N, C-alpha and C. Protein backbone atom coordinates (compact mmCIF):
# COMPACT_ATOMS: atom_id res chain seq x y z
N MET A 1 1.36 -1.30 -0.01
CA MET A 1 -0.24 0.30 0.06
C MET A 1 0.59 1.01 0.30
N ARG A 2 0.71 2.23 -0.99
CA ARG A 2 1.67 3.42 -1.45
C ARG A 2 0.51 4.41 -0.26
N GLN A 3 1.32 5.11 0.95
CA GLN A 3 0.61 5.80 2.05
C GLN A 3 0.51 6.93 1.35
N THR A 4 -0.53 8.09 1.37
CA THR A 4 -0.38 9.72 1.31
C THR A 4 -0.06 10.50 2.52
N ASN A 5 -0.06 11.86 2.03
CA ASN A 5 0.21 12.57 3.55
C ASN A 5 -1.28 12.60 4.38
N ALA A 6 -2.49 12.27 3.53
CA ALA A 6 -3.85 11.90 4.23
C ALA A 6 -3.42 10.69 4.99
N ASP A 7 -3.38 9.60 5.18
CA ASP A 7 -2.95 8.63 5.67
C ASP A 7 -1.85 9.09 6.79
N LEU A 8 -1.04 9.59 6.94
CA LEU A 8 -0.19 10.31 7.96
C LEU A 8 -0.99 10.69 9.10
N ARG A 9 -2.25 11.71 8.81
CA ARG A 9 -2.64 13.13 9.48
C ARG A 9 -3.72 11.98 9.95
N ARG A 10 -4.34 11.04 9.03
CA ARG A 10 -5.15 9.97 9.56
C ARG A 10 -4.60 9.53 11.03
N TYR A 11 -3.68 9.23 10.56
CA TYR A 11 -2.99 8.11 12.06
C TYR A 11 -2.65 9.22 13.34
N TYR A 12 -2.30 10.27 12.92
CA TYR A 12 -2.34 11.29 14.00
C TYR A 12 -3.15 11.04 14.74
N ARG A 13 -4.58 11.91 14.27
CA ARG A 13 -5.71 11.97 14.74
C ARG A 13 -6.41 11.04 15.46
N TYR A 14 -6.16 9.77 15.05
CA TYR A 14 -6.63 8.20 15.69
C TYR A 14 -5.42 7.96 16.84
N ALA A 15 -4.17 7.84 17.00
CA ALA A 15 -3.46 7.92 17.87
C ALA A 15 -3.79 9.13 19.11
N ASN A 16 -3.53 10.13 18.61
CA ASN A 16 -3.76 11.47 19.09
C ASN A 16 -5.43 11.37 20.25
N LYS A 17 -6.69 11.03 19.75
CA LYS A 17 -7.73 10.11 20.14
C LYS A 17 -7.60 9.57 21.11
N ARG A 18 -6.67 8.21 21.01
CA ARG A 18 -6.74 7.10 21.69
C ARG A 18 -6.14 6.85 22.64
N TYR A 19 -4.61 7.63 22.15
CA TYR A 19 -3.45 7.62 23.35
C TYR A 19 -2.91 8.64 23.87
N PHE A 20 -3.34 9.58 23.84
CA PHE A 20 -2.98 11.20 24.23
C PHE A 20 -4.10 12.26 24.79
N GLY A 21 -5.52 11.24 24.70
CA GLY A 21 -6.26 11.96 25.15
C GLY A 21 -6.71 13.33 24.41
N ASN A 22 -6.86 13.11 23.64
CA ASN A 22 -6.79 14.02 22.11
C ASN A 22 -6.35 15.59 22.77
N LYS A 23 -5.45 15.57 23.07
CA LYS A 23 -4.48 16.75 23.99
C LYS A 23 -3.49 17.40 22.97
N LEU A 24 -3.19 16.87 22.17
CA LEU A 24 -2.12 16.95 21.09
C LEU A 24 -2.73 18.71 20.14
N PRO A 25 -1.54 19.11 19.46
CA PRO A 25 -2.22 20.38 18.47
C PRO A 25 -2.64 19.46 17.67
N SER A 26 -3.46 19.72 16.37
CA SER A 26 -3.67 19.80 15.47
C SER A 26 -2.63 20.08 14.01
N ILE A 27 -1.56 19.40 14.27
CA ILE A 27 -0.43 19.94 13.40
C ILE A 27 -0.26 19.19 11.65
N ASN A 28 0.67 19.42 10.58
CA ASN A 28 0.90 18.60 9.60
C ASN A 28 1.90 17.54 9.42
N LEU A 29 1.25 17.13 8.60
CA LEU A 29 2.30 15.58 8.54
C LEU A 29 2.94 16.01 7.39
N TYR A 30 4.07 15.55 6.43
CA TYR A 30 4.38 15.24 4.96
C TYR A 30 5.14 14.29 5.22
N PHE A 31 5.15 13.21 4.23
CA PHE A 31 6.07 13.02 3.24
C PHE A 31 7.06 13.55 2.91
N THR A 32 8.92 13.23 3.09
CA THR A 32 9.58 14.24 2.30
C THR A 32 10.91 13.11 2.57
N LYS A 33 11.63 13.84 1.61
CA LYS A 33 12.63 13.21 1.51
C LYS A 33 13.87 13.79 2.58
N LEU A 34 14.06 12.62 3.21
CA LEU A 34 14.79 12.64 4.49
C LEU A 34 16.27 12.11 4.62
N ARG A 35 17.36 11.90 5.31
CA ARG A 35 18.28 11.31 4.93
C ARG A 35 18.79 10.84 6.12
N SER A 36 18.87 9.30 6.39
CA SER A 36 18.92 8.33 7.24
C SER A 36 18.15 9.02 8.80
N ILE A 37 17.38 9.28 8.80
CA ILE A 37 15.97 9.28 9.39
C ILE A 37 14.82 8.85 9.34
N SER A 38 14.14 8.13 10.15
CA SER A 38 12.83 7.92 9.92
C SER A 38 11.69 9.36 9.48
N GLY A 39 11.92 9.87 10.84
CA GLY A 39 10.82 11.16 11.06
C GLY A 39 11.53 12.32 11.91
N VAL A 40 11.17 13.48 11.82
CA VAL A 40 11.34 14.24 12.46
C VAL A 40 10.46 15.21 12.62
N THR A 41 10.20 15.91 13.93
CA THR A 41 9.42 16.63 14.23
C THR A 41 9.67 18.05 14.08
N ARG A 42 9.62 18.90 13.63
CA ARG A 42 9.83 20.58 13.20
C ARG A 42 9.41 21.50 14.66
N LEU A 43 10.03 22.19 15.11
CA LEU A 43 9.60 23.30 16.26
C LEU A 43 9.87 25.02 15.85
N LEU A 44 8.49 25.47 16.25
CA LEU A 44 9.68 27.02 15.94
C LEU A 44 9.21 27.66 17.55
N CYS A 45 10.46 28.29 18.08
CA CYS A 45 10.17 28.33 19.18
C CYS A 45 9.90 27.59 20.10
N ASN A 46 10.26 26.16 19.78
CA ASN A 46 9.67 25.12 20.95
C ASN A 46 8.17 24.81 21.15
N ILE A 47 7.52 25.12 19.64
CA ILE A 47 6.29 24.90 19.49
C ILE A 47 6.06 23.92 18.30
N PRO A 48 5.79 23.05 18.28
CA PRO A 48 5.74 22.04 17.62
C PRO A 48 4.77 22.18 16.01
N ALA A 49 5.43 22.40 15.04
CA ALA A 49 5.00 23.07 13.76
C ALA A 49 4.60 22.05 12.83
N TYR A 50 5.41 21.20 12.40
CA TYR A 50 4.66 19.98 11.50
C TYR A 50 5.53 18.78 12.11
N ILE A 51 5.53 17.76 11.40
CA ILE A 51 6.49 16.42 11.54
C ILE A 51 6.60 15.52 9.99
N GLU A 52 7.65 15.86 9.60
CA GLU A 52 8.07 15.13 8.37
C GLU A 52 8.44 13.40 8.15
N ILE A 53 8.28 12.64 7.70
CA ILE A 53 8.45 11.62 7.28
C ILE A 53 8.96 10.80 6.33
N SER A 54 9.89 10.06 6.49
CA SER A 54 10.86 9.85 5.50
C SER A 54 9.50 8.91 3.99
N GLU A 55 10.07 9.48 3.03
CA GLU A 55 9.85 9.16 1.55
C GLU A 55 9.92 7.44 1.79
N SER A 56 11.10 7.30 2.18
CA SER A 56 11.39 5.67 2.03
C SER A 56 10.61 5.01 2.63
N LEU A 57 9.65 5.17 3.61
CA LEU A 57 8.59 4.56 4.64
C LEU A 57 7.28 4.38 3.89
N ARG A 58 7.04 5.04 2.87
CA ARG A 58 5.58 5.36 1.99
C ARG A 58 5.04 3.63 2.23
N THR A 59 5.79 2.87 1.58
CA THR A 59 5.15 1.25 1.86
C THR A 59 5.05 0.84 2.70
N PHE A 60 5.65 0.93 3.79
CA PHE A 60 5.82 0.52 5.24
C PHE A 60 4.81 0.69 6.37
N GLN A 61 3.55 0.79 6.18
CA GLN A 61 2.00 1.05 6.91
C GLN A 61 2.84 0.44 8.68
N ALA A 62 3.35 0.14 8.92
CA ALA A 62 2.99 -0.50 10.02
C ALA A 62 4.61 0.82 11.11
N ILE A 63 5.98 0.50 10.07
CA ILE A 63 6.79 0.98 10.74
C ILE A 63 6.42 2.98 10.18
N THR A 64 5.53 3.12 9.40
CA THR A 64 5.10 4.31 8.98
C THR A 64 4.25 4.93 10.80
N ILE A 65 3.34 3.98 11.12
CA ILE A 65 2.97 4.40 12.23
C ILE A 65 3.83 4.63 13.35
N GLN A 66 4.55 3.60 13.69
CA GLN A 66 5.24 3.72 15.02
C GLN A 66 6.44 4.77 14.86
N THR A 67 6.67 5.35 13.54
CA THR A 67 7.44 6.33 13.36
C THR A 67 6.59 7.75 14.02
N VAL A 68 5.51 7.89 13.65
CA VAL A 68 3.93 8.87 13.80
C VAL A 68 3.94 8.98 15.64
N ILE A 69 3.91 8.00 15.44
CA ILE A 69 3.40 7.73 16.98
C ILE A 69 4.76 8.23 18.13
N HIS A 70 5.77 8.00 17.77
CA HIS A 70 6.99 8.27 17.96
C HIS A 70 7.00 10.24 18.03
N GLU A 71 7.21 10.41 16.59
CA GLU A 71 7.18 11.58 16.27
C GLU A 71 6.00 12.40 18.00
N MET A 72 5.03 11.95 17.95
CA MET A 72 4.11 12.35 18.53
C MET A 72 4.17 12.77 20.15
N VAL A 73 5.37 12.05 20.72
CA VAL A 73 5.58 11.96 21.48
C VAL A 73 7.10 13.50 21.97
N HIS A 74 7.62 13.67 20.88
CA HIS A 74 8.50 14.92 20.26
C HIS A 74 6.98 16.08 20.22
N VAL A 75 6.12 16.06 19.88
CA VAL A 75 4.98 17.22 19.94
C VAL A 75 4.45 17.17 21.30
N GLU A 76 3.98 15.92 22.27
CA GLU A 76 3.44 16.36 23.36
C GLU A 76 4.73 16.85 24.51
N HIS A 77 6.02 16.25 24.24
CA HIS A 77 6.89 17.22 25.27
C HIS A 77 8.16 18.15 24.16
N PRO A 78 7.89 18.92 23.69
CA PRO A 78 8.35 19.45 22.72
C PRO A 78 10.12 19.93 23.32
N THR A 79 9.94 20.18 25.35
CA THR A 79 10.93 21.03 25.20
C THR A 79 12.14 19.74 25.78
N TRP A 80 11.43 18.65 25.38
CA TRP A 80 12.62 17.33 26.00
C TRP A 80 13.58 17.24 24.46
N LYS A 81 15.00 17.36 25.03
CA LYS A 81 15.88 17.02 24.26
C LYS A 81 16.62 15.61 24.00
N GLY A 82 16.15 15.24 22.51
CA GLY A 82 16.58 14.33 22.73
C GLY A 82 15.65 12.70 22.70
N HIS A 83 16.36 11.61 23.10
CA HIS A 83 15.68 10.80 23.59
C HIS A 83 16.52 10.24 24.96
N GLY A 84 16.19 10.80 26.03
CA GLY A 84 16.23 10.37 27.12
C GLY A 84 15.68 9.57 27.97
N TRP A 85 15.64 9.18 29.45
CA TRP A 85 15.08 8.08 30.38
C TRP A 85 13.23 8.77 30.17
N GLN A 86 13.13 10.05 30.02
CA GLN A 86 11.65 10.16 30.07
C GLN A 86 11.30 10.05 28.82
N PHE A 87 11.75 9.92 27.91
CA PHE A 87 10.94 9.88 26.16
C PHE A 87 11.07 7.95 26.71
N ASP A 88 11.77 7.79 26.25
CA ASP A 88 11.75 6.01 27.02
C ASP A 88 10.70 5.81 27.86
N ARG A 89 10.41 6.19 29.03
CA ARG A 89 9.70 6.07 29.91
C ARG A 89 8.33 6.01 29.17
N ARG A 90 8.20 7.54 28.61
CA ARG A 90 6.81 7.42 27.88
C ARG A 90 6.40 6.58 26.81
N MET A 91 7.24 6.12 25.80
CA MET A 91 7.09 5.05 24.70
C MET A 91 6.92 4.36 25.28
N LEU A 92 7.63 3.44 26.38
CA LEU A 92 6.90 1.98 27.22
C LEU A 92 5.55 2.33 27.35
N ARG A 93 5.16 4.08 28.04
CA ARG A 93 3.82 3.45 28.37
C ARG A 93 2.85 3.66 27.70
N LEU A 94 3.53 3.97 26.21
CA LEU A 94 2.83 4.07 25.12
C LEU A 94 2.54 2.54 24.50
N ALA A 95 3.69 1.58 24.63
CA ALA A 95 3.57 0.71 23.99
C ALA A 95 2.65 -0.44 25.26
N LYS A 96 2.51 -0.27 26.61
CA LYS A 96 2.05 -1.04 27.36
C LYS A 96 0.40 -0.46 27.23
N ALA A 97 -0.05 0.87 26.60
CA ALA A 97 -1.84 1.08 26.17
C ALA A 97 -2.29 0.00 25.29
N GLY A 98 -1.08 -0.43 24.05
CA GLY A 98 -1.42 -1.12 23.01
C GLY A 98 -0.67 -0.24 22.06
N ALA A 99 -0.45 0.73 21.74
CA ALA A 99 -0.31 1.82 20.65
C ALA A 99 0.69 1.07 19.66
N PHE A 100 1.07 0.25 19.84
CA PHE A 100 1.94 -0.50 19.04
C PHE A 100 1.77 -2.05 18.89
N ASP A 101 0.34 -2.47 19.56
CA ASP A 101 0.07 -3.88 19.05
C ASP A 101 0.04 -3.82 17.27
N GLY A 102 0.36 -5.30 17.39
CA GLY A 102 0.14 -5.57 15.64
C GLY A 102 0.81 -4.87 14.81
N LEU A 103 1.98 -3.78 15.10
CA LEU A 103 2.78 -3.29 14.23
C LEU A 103 4.31 -3.87 14.48
N TRP A 104 4.46 -4.52 15.37
CA TRP A 104 5.89 -5.30 15.70
C TRP A 104 5.97 -6.72 16.33
C-alpha cells in the first residue's frame, strides 16, 4: 500500500484520540526526503510546527505508524531534548497501552 499525507494525518488523529487524550495540537504531517532518519518533528520557538516522515517509508505502513507515534511524543513534550529516560518511559507507557500492538 502506498501511503499518502492524508494517511499520516489519519494515523495522527487516531493516535491523538486513543493514546494522547486528544490533547496534542492539530499539525500537518508530510512525506519528505529525509536522509538517515525516519521522521522529525519541526519546532518553531519550542512549539511543534509539523512532522516530516521519510519518503522511504511510504510502502511500510507499520513502520510509518510507529514513526508517527514516536514523533507525537516529541509533539507532546517539545522541550525534551533527544531521547532520554523520560522519552523512553513515555514510549514504554504507549506500548503498554497497546499503541504498537500488531505493528512489531
